[in-house]
Protein backbone atom coordinates (compact mmCIF):
# COMPACT_ATOMS: atom_id res chain seq x y z
CA UNK A 1 83.49 -6.50 92.75
CA UNK A 2 81.52 -3.30 93.32
CA UNK A 3 78.19 -5.12 92.88
CA UNK A 4 79.32 -8.03 95.05
CA UNK A 5 80.14 -5.52 97.78
CA UNK A 6 76.61 -4.05 97.57
CA UNK A 7 75.09 -7.53 97.83
CA UNK A 8 77.27 -8.26 100.84
CA UNK A 9 76.11 -5.07 102.57
CA UNK A 10 72.47 -5.96 101.94
CA UNK A 11 73.00 -9.50 103.21
CA UNK A 12 74.71 -8.33 106.41
CA UNK A 13 71.98 -5.74 106.99
CA UNK A 14 69.31 -8.42 106.52
CA UNK A 15 71.05 -10.63 109.10
CA UNK A 16 71.19 -7.76 111.58
CA UNK A 17 67.53 -6.84 111.12
CA UNK A 18 66.53 -10.49 111.60
CA UNK A 19 67.83 -10.37 115.20
CA UNK A 20 65.08 -7.86 116.13
CA UNK A 21 61.31 -7.93 116.43
CA UNK A 22 58.90 -5.23 115.25
CA UNK A 23 58.65 -3.73 118.75
CA UNK A 24 62.41 -3.72 119.38
CA UNK A 25 63.86 -2.43 116.09
CA UNK A 26 65.14 1.12 116.42
CA UNK A 27 64.88 4.07 114.05
CA UNK A 28 68.50 4.19 112.75
CA UNK A 29 68.39 0.54 111.60
CA UNK A 30 64.92 0.87 110.04
CA UNK A 31 65.99 4.05 108.26
CA UNK A 32 69.11 2.34 106.92
CA UNK A 33 67.02 -0.55 105.60
CA UNK A 34 64.73 1.83 103.74
CA UNK A 35 67.64 3.88 102.40
CA UNK A 36 69.20 0.71 101.01
CA UNK A 37 65.96 -0.11 99.19
CA UNK A 38 64.33 -2.80 101.31
CA UNK A 39 60.54 -2.77 100.98
CA UNK A 40 58.18 -2.98 103.96
CA UNK A 41 57.16 -6.47 102.83
CA UNK A 42 60.80 -7.64 102.88
CA UNK A 43 61.45 -6.07 106.27
CA UNK A 44 58.27 -7.70 107.61
CA UNK A 45 59.63 -11.08 106.49
CA UNK A 46 62.88 -10.41 108.36
CA UNK A 47 61.05 -9.31 111.53
CA UNK A 48 58.39 -12.03 111.39
CA UNK A 49 55.45 -9.64 111.30
CA UNK A 50 52.90 -8.12 108.90
CA UNK A 51 53.75 -5.55 106.23
CA UNK A 52 51.20 -3.19 107.76
CA UNK A 53 53.02 -3.40 111.11
CA UNK A 54 56.27 -2.27 109.48
CA UNK A 55 54.41 0.61 107.84
CA UNK A 56 52.89 1.65 111.17
CA UNK A 57 56.28 1.37 112.88
CA UNK A 58 57.83 3.66 110.26
CA UNK A 59 55.03 6.18 110.83
CA UNK A 60 55.58 6.00 114.58
CA UNK A 61 59.35 6.55 114.26
CA UNK A 62 59.07 9.19 111.52
CA UNK A 63 60.80 7.10 108.86
CA UNK A 64 58.81 8.44 105.92
CA UNK A 65 59.35 9.01 102.22
CA UNK A 66 60.18 12.45 100.96
CA UNK A 67 60.04 13.44 97.32
CA UNK A 68 62.82 15.12 95.37
CA UNK A 69 62.65 16.96 92.07
CA UNK A 70 64.58 15.33 89.24
CA UNK A 71 67.09 17.84 87.89
CA UNK A 72 66.53 17.50 84.14
CA UNK A 73 68.81 20.44 83.44
CA UNK A 74 72.05 18.86 84.77
CA UNK A 75 72.29 21.73 87.29
CA UNK A 76 73.14 24.27 84.59
CA UNK A 77 70.08 26.28 85.60
CA UNK A 78 67.04 25.79 87.81
CA UNK A 79 64.87 22.82 86.83
CA UNK A 80 61.12 23.47 86.97
CA UNK A 81 59.85 20.16 85.70
CA UNK A 82 57.34 18.50 88.08
CA UNK A 83 59.12 15.14 88.00
CA UNK A 84 59.71 13.43 91.35
CA UNK A 85 61.33 10.40 92.89
CA UNK A 86 61.14 9.25 96.51
CA UNK A 87 63.91 8.75 99.01
CA UNK A 88 64.47 8.41 102.75
CA UNK A 89 66.70 10.89 104.55
CA UNK A 90 67.65 11.73 108.08
CA UNK A 91 65.72 14.58 109.67
CA UNK A 92 67.22 18.03 109.31
CA UNK A 93 67.32 20.60 112.08
CA UNK A 94 66.43 24.29 112.01
CA UNK A 95 68.33 27.00 113.90
CA UNK A 96 65.83 26.80 116.78
CA UNK A 97 66.28 23.03 117.11
CA UNK A 98 63.12 21.85 115.29
CA UNK A 99 63.50 18.76 113.10
CA UNK A 100 62.03 18.49 109.61
CA UNK A 101 62.30 16.58 106.31
CA UNK A 102 63.05 18.36 103.08
CA UNK A 103 60.15 17.41 100.79
CA UNK A 104 60.33 19.11 97.39
CA UNK A 105 56.88 17.95 96.22
CA UNK A 106 54.55 20.80 97.16
CA UNK A 107 50.90 19.79 97.35
CA UNK A 108 48.40 22.19 95.79
CA UNK A 109 44.80 22.76 96.88
CA UNK A 110 43.42 21.76 93.44
CA UNK A 111 41.25 18.70 92.93
CA UNK A 112 43.54 15.89 91.79
CA UNK A 113 43.34 12.54 90.04
CA UNK A 114 46.03 9.84 90.01
CA UNK A 115 46.52 7.60 86.98
CA UNK A 116 48.42 4.34 87.56
CA UNK A 117 50.71 3.23 84.73
CA UNK A 118 51.71 -0.30 83.83
CA UNK A 119 55.33 -0.29 84.97
CA UNK A 120 58.22 -1.78 82.98
CA UNK A 121 57.61 -3.20 79.50
CA UNK A 122 57.25 -6.97 79.56
CA UNK A 123 55.12 -9.65 77.95
CA UNK A 124 51.48 -8.63 78.26
CA UNK A 125 52.23 -5.04 79.30
CA UNK A 126 53.19 -2.96 76.33
CA UNK A 127 52.87 0.42 74.70
CA UNK A 128 49.10 0.09 74.29
CA UNK A 129 48.54 0.79 77.98
CA UNK A 130 50.89 3.75 77.82
CA UNK A 131 48.64 5.19 75.08
CA UNK A 132 45.62 4.71 77.34
CA UNK A 133 47.33 6.31 80.36
CA UNK A 134 48.43 9.36 78.37
CA UNK A 135 44.98 9.97 76.90
CA UNK A 136 43.45 9.41 80.32
CA UNK A 137 45.72 12.07 81.82
CA UNK A 138 44.87 14.52 79.04
CA UNK A 139 41.13 13.89 79.48
CA UNK A 140 41.32 14.48 83.25
CA UNK A 141 43.18 17.74 82.60
CA UNK A 142 40.39 18.83 80.22
CA UNK A 143 37.94 18.26 83.10
CA UNK A 144 39.90 20.64 85.34
CA UNK A 145 41.81 18.14 87.47
CA UNK A 146 45.43 18.39 88.47
CA UNK A 147 46.81 15.21 86.93
CA UNK A 148 49.29 12.95 88.70
CA UNK A 149 50.99 10.08 86.89
CA UNK A 150 52.69 7.18 88.70
CA UNK A 151 54.89 5.03 86.48
CA UNK A 152 58.50 3.87 86.36
CA UNK A 153 59.18 3.19 82.68
CA UNK A 154 61.51 5.70 80.98
CA UNK A 155 60.56 4.34 77.52
CA UNK A 156 56.97 5.62 77.68
CA UNK A 157 55.22 8.89 76.85
CA UNK A 158 53.35 8.74 80.17
CA UNK A 159 56.68 9.40 81.91
CA UNK A 160 57.52 12.43 79.77
CA UNK A 161 57.80 15.27 82.26
CA UNK A 162 55.23 17.40 80.43
CA UNK A 163 52.44 14.81 80.04
CA UNK A 164 50.92 15.11 83.53
CA UNK A 165 50.96 18.06 85.93
CA UNK A 166 53.07 15.92 88.27
CA UNK A 167 54.97 12.72 87.54
CA UNK A 168 56.12 10.35 90.27
CA UNK A 169 58.77 8.09 88.76
CA UNK A 170 58.02 5.30 91.21
CA UNK A 171 57.33 1.54 91.04
CA UNK A 172 53.66 0.66 90.47
CA UNK A 173 53.76 -1.10 93.82
CA UNK A 174 51.46 -0.71 96.81
CA UNK A 175 53.90 0.79 99.34
CA UNK A 176 55.03 3.54 96.94
CA UNK A 177 51.55 4.31 95.66
CA UNK A 178 49.95 4.54 99.10
CA UNK A 179 52.60 7.01 100.29
CA UNK A 180 51.91 9.23 97.26
CA UNK A 181 48.15 9.02 97.84
CA UNK A 182 48.59 10.06 101.49
CA UNK A 183 50.82 12.92 100.37
CA UNK A 184 48.66 14.22 97.50
CA UNK A 185 45.13 13.33 98.77
CA UNK A 186 43.53 12.93 95.32
CA UNK A 187 39.81 12.74 94.54
CA UNK A 188 40.49 9.19 93.39
CA UNK A 189 42.68 6.81 91.42
CA UNK A 190 42.21 5.44 87.88
CA UNK A 191 43.34 1.79 87.70
CA UNK A 192 41.76 0.56 84.47
CA UNK A 193 44.19 2.19 82.01
CA UNK A 194 47.45 0.56 83.17
CA UNK A 195 46.71 -3.09 82.39
CA UNK A 196 46.78 -5.92 84.91
CA UNK A 197 49.58 -4.37 86.99
CA UNK A 198 47.45 -1.37 87.95
CA UNK A 199 44.27 -3.43 88.16
CA UNK A 200 45.75 -5.75 90.77
CA UNK A 201 46.06 -2.82 93.17
CA UNK A 202 42.29 -2.19 93.19
CA UNK A 203 41.66 -4.50 96.14
CA UNK A 204 44.14 -2.77 98.45
CA UNK A 205 43.00 0.68 97.37
CA UNK A 206 39.44 -0.27 98.30
CA UNK A 207 40.54 -1.87 101.58
CA UNK A 208 42.33 1.34 102.58
CA UNK A 209 39.39 3.57 101.67
CA UNK A 210 40.87 5.06 98.50
CA UNK A 211 38.26 5.88 95.87
CA UNK A 212 38.63 4.02 92.56
CA UNK A 213 37.39 6.18 89.70
CA UNK A 214 35.29 4.14 87.29
CA UNK A 215 34.43 0.47 87.68
CA UNK A 216 34.62 -0.62 91.34
CA UNK A 217 36.89 -3.32 92.74
CA UNK A 218 33.82 -5.49 93.44
CA UNK A 219 32.94 -5.50 89.73
CA UNK A 220 36.55 -6.06 88.68
CA UNK A 221 36.78 -9.01 91.06
CA UNK A 222 33.45 -10.42 89.86
CA UNK A 223 34.79 -10.56 86.31
CA UNK A 224 37.95 -12.39 87.51
CA UNK A 225 36.11 -14.88 89.76
CA UNK A 226 35.06 -17.50 87.24
CA UNK A 227 32.41 -19.05 89.48
CA UNK A 228 30.66 -15.75 90.22
CA UNK A 229 31.06 -14.57 86.62
CA UNK A 230 29.51 -17.77 85.27
CA UNK A 231 26.55 -17.27 87.61
CA UNK A 232 26.17 -13.78 86.17
CA UNK A 233 26.18 -15.21 82.63
CA UNK A 234 23.67 -17.87 83.62
CA UNK A 235 21.34 -15.27 85.17
CA UNK A 236 21.47 -13.29 81.91
CA UNK A 237 20.95 -16.37 79.71
CA UNK A 238 24.37 -15.95 78.04
CA UNK A 239 26.14 -19.18 76.91
CA UNK A 240 29.69 -20.04 77.97
CA UNK A 241 31.92 -23.14 77.58
CA UNK A 242 31.63 -25.74 80.33
CA UNK A 243 34.23 -25.07 83.01
CA UNK A 244 35.38 -25.81 86.53
CA UNK A 245 38.02 -24.59 88.99
CA UNK A 246 40.91 -26.66 90.38
CA UNK A 247 43.68 -26.05 92.90
CA UNK A 248 45.41 -29.45 92.65
CA UNK A 249 46.36 -31.92 89.93
CA UNK A 250 43.93 -34.50 91.38
CA UNK A 251 41.06 -32.02 91.22
CA UNK A 252 42.01 -31.14 87.63
CA UNK A 253 42.02 -34.83 86.64
CA UNK A 254 38.55 -35.36 88.13
CA UNK A 255 37.24 -32.28 86.31
CA UNK A 256 38.71 -33.54 83.02
CA UNK A 257 36.49 -36.63 83.26
CA UNK A 258 33.45 -34.35 83.18
CA UNK A 259 34.58 -31.63 80.76
CA UNK A 260 36.19 -33.89 78.15
CA UNK A 261 39.32 -32.97 76.19
CA UNK A 262 40.63 -30.70 74.73
CA UNK A 263 40.71 -28.45 77.81
CA UNK A 264 41.98 -24.89 78.10
CA UNK A 265 43.92 -24.46 81.36
CA UNK A 266 44.76 -21.00 82.67
CA UNK A 267 45.58 -19.44 86.04
CA UNK A 268 43.43 -16.59 87.37
CA UNK A 269 44.66 -13.02 87.91
CA UNK A 270 47.55 -13.07 85.44
CA UNK A 271 48.47 -10.78 82.58
CA UNK A 272 49.09 -11.46 78.93
CA UNK A 273 47.70 -15.01 78.87
CA UNK A 274 50.59 -16.14 81.07
CA UNK A 275 50.44 -19.87 81.80
CA UNK A 276 47.55 -20.52 79.39
CA UNK A 277 47.67 -23.84 77.55
CA UNK A 278 45.38 -26.25 75.70
CA UNK A 279 45.87 -29.85 76.81
CA UNK A 280 44.61 -32.94 75.01
CA UNK A 281 45.06 -35.72 77.57
CA UNK A 282 45.48 -36.35 81.31
CA UNK A 283 49.25 -36.66 81.08
CA UNK A 284 49.56 -33.18 79.56
CA UNK A 285 47.02 -31.83 82.05
CA UNK A 286 48.85 -33.15 85.11
CA UNK A 287 52.23 -31.91 83.85
CA UNK A 288 50.91 -28.39 83.17
CA UNK A 289 49.00 -28.12 86.46
CA UNK A 290 52.07 -29.17 88.47
CA UNK A 291 54.18 -26.64 86.58
CA UNK A 292 51.68 -23.84 87.25
CA UNK A 293 51.46 -24.77 90.94
CA UNK A 294 55.23 -24.52 91.30
CA UNK A 295 55.30 -21.13 89.53
CA UNK A 296 52.14 -19.66 91.07
CA UNK A 297 51.41 -21.42 94.38
CA UNK A 298 47.88 -20.93 95.67
CA UNK A 299 46.55 -19.61 92.35
CA UNK A 300 43.19 -20.97 91.20
CA UNK A 301 43.28 -22.76 87.86
CA UNK A 302 40.43 -22.34 85.39
CA UNK A 303 39.62 -25.36 83.23
CA UNK A 304 37.36 -24.73 80.23
CA UNK A 305 36.18 -27.22 77.64
CA UNK A 306 37.93 -25.99 74.49
CA UNK A 307 35.53 -25.37 71.60
CA UNK A 308 37.54 -27.03 68.85
CA UNK A 309 37.25 -25.32 65.48
CA UNK A 310 35.61 -22.18 66.89
CA UNK A 311 36.22 -18.64 65.64
CA UNK A 312 37.40 -16.10 68.21
CA UNK A 313 36.13 -12.53 68.33
CA UNK A 314 36.25 -9.67 70.81
CA UNK A 315 34.41 -6.45 71.50
CA UNK A 316 35.46 -3.26 73.28
CA UNK A 317 32.87 -0.91 74.73
CA UNK A 318 32.35 2.16 76.91
CA UNK A 319 29.71 1.99 79.63
CA UNK A 320 28.51 4.57 82.15
CA UNK A 321 26.50 2.12 84.24
CA UNK A 322 23.33 2.83 82.27
CA UNK A 323 24.31 3.16 78.61
CA UNK A 324 26.69 1.07 76.50
CA UNK A 325 28.45 2.04 73.27
CA UNK A 326 30.42 -0.65 71.45
CA UNK A 327 33.50 1.03 70.00
CA UNK A 328 34.64 -1.96 67.94
CA UNK A 329 34.18 -5.66 67.21
CA UNK A 330 37.18 -7.61 65.93
CA UNK A 331 37.45 -11.10 64.45
CA UNK A 332 40.60 -13.16 64.96
CA UNK A 333 42.17 -14.75 61.90
CA UNK A 334 43.76 -17.72 63.69
CA UNK A 335 41.66 -20.44 65.34
CA UNK A 336 40.24 -19.81 68.79
CA UNK A 337 42.77 -20.39 71.59
CA UNK A 338 45.69 -18.17 70.58
CA UNK A 339 45.96 -15.31 73.03
CA UNK A 340 44.36 -12.10 71.79
CA UNK A 341 47.67 -10.24 72.15
CA UNK A 342 49.41 -12.70 69.83
CA UNK A 343 46.64 -13.04 67.26
CA UNK A 344 46.00 -11.32 63.96
CA UNK A 345 42.57 -9.70 63.87
CA UNK A 346 40.37 -7.62 61.58
CA UNK A 347 38.24 -4.57 62.28
CA UNK A 348 35.38 -4.93 61.45
CA UNK A 349 34.84 -8.73 61.26
CA UNK A 350 35.12 -10.18 57.75
CA UNK A 351 32.82 -13.22 57.81
CA UNK A 352 30.58 -13.18 60.88
CA UNK A 353 26.91 -13.21 59.85
CA UNK A 354 24.17 -10.89 61.09
CA UNK A 355 22.93 -13.47 63.61
CA UNK A 356 26.38 -13.80 65.20
CA UNK A 357 27.03 -10.04 65.17
CA UNK A 358 23.71 -9.37 66.90
CA UNK A 359 24.53 -11.94 69.61
CA UNK A 360 27.91 -10.28 70.19
CA UNK A 361 26.26 -6.85 70.54
CA UNK A 362 23.53 -8.15 72.84
CA UNK A 363 25.95 -10.09 75.06
CA UNK A 364 28.35 -7.13 75.30
CA UNK A 365 25.64 -4.75 76.45
CA UNK A 366 24.18 -7.22 78.95
CA UNK A 367 27.55 -8.05 80.50
CA UNK A 368 28.73 -4.42 80.69
CA UNK A 369 25.56 -3.42 82.54
CA UNK A 370 25.47 -6.53 84.75
CA UNK A 371 29.05 -5.79 85.90
CA UNK A 372 28.13 -2.15 86.65
CA UNK A 373 30.94 -1.09 84.33
CA UNK A 374 31.95 2.57 84.43
CA UNK A 375 34.56 3.13 81.74
CA UNK A 376 36.01 0.57 79.34
CA UNK A 377 35.32 -3.15 79.00
CA UNK A 378 36.72 -5.86 76.70
CA UNK A 379 34.84 -9.12 76.11
CA UNK A 380 36.19 -12.16 74.24
CA UNK A 381 33.96 -14.64 72.43
CA UNK A 382 34.16 -18.08 70.83
CA UNK A 383 31.79 -18.58 67.88
CA UNK A 384 30.79 -22.11 66.89
CA UNK A 385 27.80 -23.24 64.81
CA UNK A 386 26.41 -19.67 64.87
CA UNK A 387 26.34 -19.72 68.68
CA UNK A 388 28.36 -17.07 70.54
CA UNK A 389 30.00 -18.22 73.81
CA UNK A 390 31.73 -15.97 76.35
CA UNK A 391 35.39 -16.69 77.03
CA UNK A 392 36.03 -13.84 79.48
CA UNK A 393 35.31 -10.20 80.25
CA UNK A 394 37.82 -7.57 81.41
CA UNK A 395 36.30 -4.30 82.71
CA UNK A 396 39.36 -2.24 81.82
CA UNK A 397 41.26 -0.86 78.85
CA UNK A 398 42.42 -3.65 76.56
CA UNK A 399 45.37 -3.70 74.20
CA UNK A 400 42.97 -3.35 71.25
CA UNK A 401 41.46 -0.02 72.38
CA UNK A 402 44.29 2.14 70.94
CA UNK A 403 44.13 0.17 67.69
CA UNK A 404 40.37 0.73 67.35
CA UNK A 405 40.70 4.41 68.29
CA UNK A 406 43.33 4.99 65.60
CA UNK A 407 41.48 2.94 62.97
CA UNK A 408 38.22 4.82 63.48
CA UNK A 409 39.82 8.21 64.24
CA UNK A 410 37.92 8.56 67.52
CA UNK A 411 39.36 9.51 70.97
CA UNK A 412 37.71 6.62 72.81
CA UNK A 413 40.03 6.66 75.85
CA UNK A 414 39.34 10.38 76.28
CA UNK A 415 35.60 9.66 76.28
CA UNK A 416 35.93 6.69 78.63
CA UNK A 417 38.02 8.66 81.14
CA UNK A 418 35.44 11.41 81.31
CA UNK A 419 32.84 8.72 82.00
CA UNK A 420 35.04 7.29 84.80
CA UNK A 421 35.35 10.75 86.33
CA UNK A 422 31.56 11.16 86.28
CA UNK A 423 31.90 14.22 84.06
CA UNK A 424 30.06 12.72 81.06
CA UNK A 425 27.55 10.04 80.08
CA UNK A 426 27.97 7.84 77.01
CA UNK A 427 25.04 9.68 75.44
CA UNK A 428 26.92 12.99 75.66
CA UNK A 429 29.36 12.03 72.89
CA UNK A 430 28.83 12.31 69.16
CA UNK A 431 30.36 9.06 67.93
CA UNK A 432 31.36 9.19 64.26
CA UNK A 433 33.81 6.36 63.40
CA UNK A 434 35.47 6.62 59.98
CA UNK A 435 37.06 3.60 58.27
CA UNK A 436 37.11 2.52 54.63
CA UNK A 437 37.76 -1.18 54.18
CA UNK A 438 39.42 -3.10 57.00
CA UNK A 439 42.06 -2.39 59.63
CA UNK A 440 44.27 -5.41 60.39
CA UNK A 441 45.96 -5.90 63.75
CA UNK A 442 49.18 -7.84 63.27
CA UNK A 443 51.62 -8.53 66.12
CA UNK A 444 55.37 -8.32 65.60
CA UNK A 445 57.56 -11.02 67.14
CA UNK A 446 61.32 -11.02 67.62
CA UNK A 447 61.68 -14.50 66.13
CA UNK A 448 65.08 -13.60 64.67
CA UNK A 449 66.40 -13.60 68.24
CA UNK A 450 65.35 -17.25 68.64
CA UNK A 451 66.67 -18.93 65.48
CA UNK A 452 65.99 -22.51 66.55
CA UNK A 453 62.42 -21.96 67.79
CA UNK A 454 59.34 -23.09 65.85
CA UNK A 455 57.86 -19.85 64.53
CA UNK A 456 54.32 -21.18 64.03
CA UNK A 457 51.77 -19.97 66.56
CA UNK A 458 50.02 -22.97 67.99
CA UNK A 459 48.10 -24.44 70.85
CA UNK A 460 50.95 -26.50 72.34
C-alpha cells in the first residue's frame, strides 16, 4: 500500500503539471516535481516543450540541484568522506533576509578531471569497465588532477569513497552530469572508460562545449556510422564484408537480394551486442527487423553479409594520434558471429599465421590513426581464406582491456589515460609484456538459473 500511495502521488502531480505550459508553471510546483524525482525530460513531456526549456526555466526560477555529503559514519562522529548525492531543497534564509541553498560540495581551485562510469550492472556493462574507470582515476591523480567520479553502482570499486578525490553517486544521465560539470568546472571529461553508457553522452557534451579528453565525439561517431566508417576503410584499402543500412523491413528485404544470406543484422549505437542476430532467409530477416523496430524505433539497422566459416579475432591498442601500440591480439575459439563478450578467446592467437597476424597489425594501426584516436581502441576482425576483414572498430576501452592488462602484467589503462590527458605519448612508455603460454578468456553464464534453456551458444 505504501508504494501504491507513492505512485498515486506521482500520478496526481503529473496530471497537475500537465495543465500548465512552460511559461506558466510556477516555482513551487516545479520544485515539487524535482523533489519527487521527475527528470527534466519527463517534465518537458508533461508541459509539451523541450528538455532544454525546462532546464532554462529551472535556472530562471532558482530550482537547482545542491549536493549533500553522504554520512558514512551513521552520525556517530563527523564524516569526512567526499561522497555526494544531489537533491532539491527550498531556499534557506539568513538573519538579514538573504536567501541561499545549502550546498555541501565545496569546489576547489585545482585542475579537475571527471571520469564517467558505466552505471548499474547489466548485460554488456560489467566489472571490466569499472576496472578501467578506477585505473583511469588513479592515472589522472598521478598527473596532478583532482579526480571526480560520477557513477551510481554500489557494487563497484569506482564508487568506493576513497577511489577518487570526489565521488558523485549520481545516475550516468545527461541532466545530472551537466549540473555537476557546471558546478565543478573540470578541465574535461573522460567518456571512453565507462562503456557505451558513458560514450553515448559524448554528443551532448560536445554540443554544450564541454571538452572530451581523448578521442573526440566526431571520431567516435565516425566509427559508429557504418557508411562513413566503410568509406574510411575503402580509402585505406582495408577489406570489410559487404553491407548496407536499412530502416524498414522492405529496405532490408531489398538489401538481402544483393548481399545474399546468411546476413548479420544489428542495430547501431547499442551495447553488448544487443539485438544482433544472424538470419538465413527473408522470413527470419523480416521478423527480426520488425522486432527491432518495435524495441528501438528510429534506430538504423546494419546488414552485413556473414562470412560463414570465418575465424573471429580482435585487437586492442593505445594511440596518441601519431603513434600506435597494440597491447594485445586475441583469437576467438567459437566461430565468427558470437558476440565478443560471450566468446572464449586466447591471448595470443593459437593458429593465425604470420600473413594474417601482419594484416591485423597493419589494419589496426591504419584505423587507429585514420580515426584520430587518442586513448584506447578495440577492433574486431573476421578471418577467411587468409584475408582479414573488419567487422567494427570501437575507439574506447573494451571489455578485453583488463584481461590483457592482467595477463601481460602491464598497466595499459594507466598509460592510455595519460595519453588522453595529453600528459604522455605512446613512445614515452617502456612496454614489457610478460606471459608464458596462453591466457584464456572464458565467460561465466548463470545457466543454472534457466534450467530449460538450450545452453549451447549459437547463431540463432
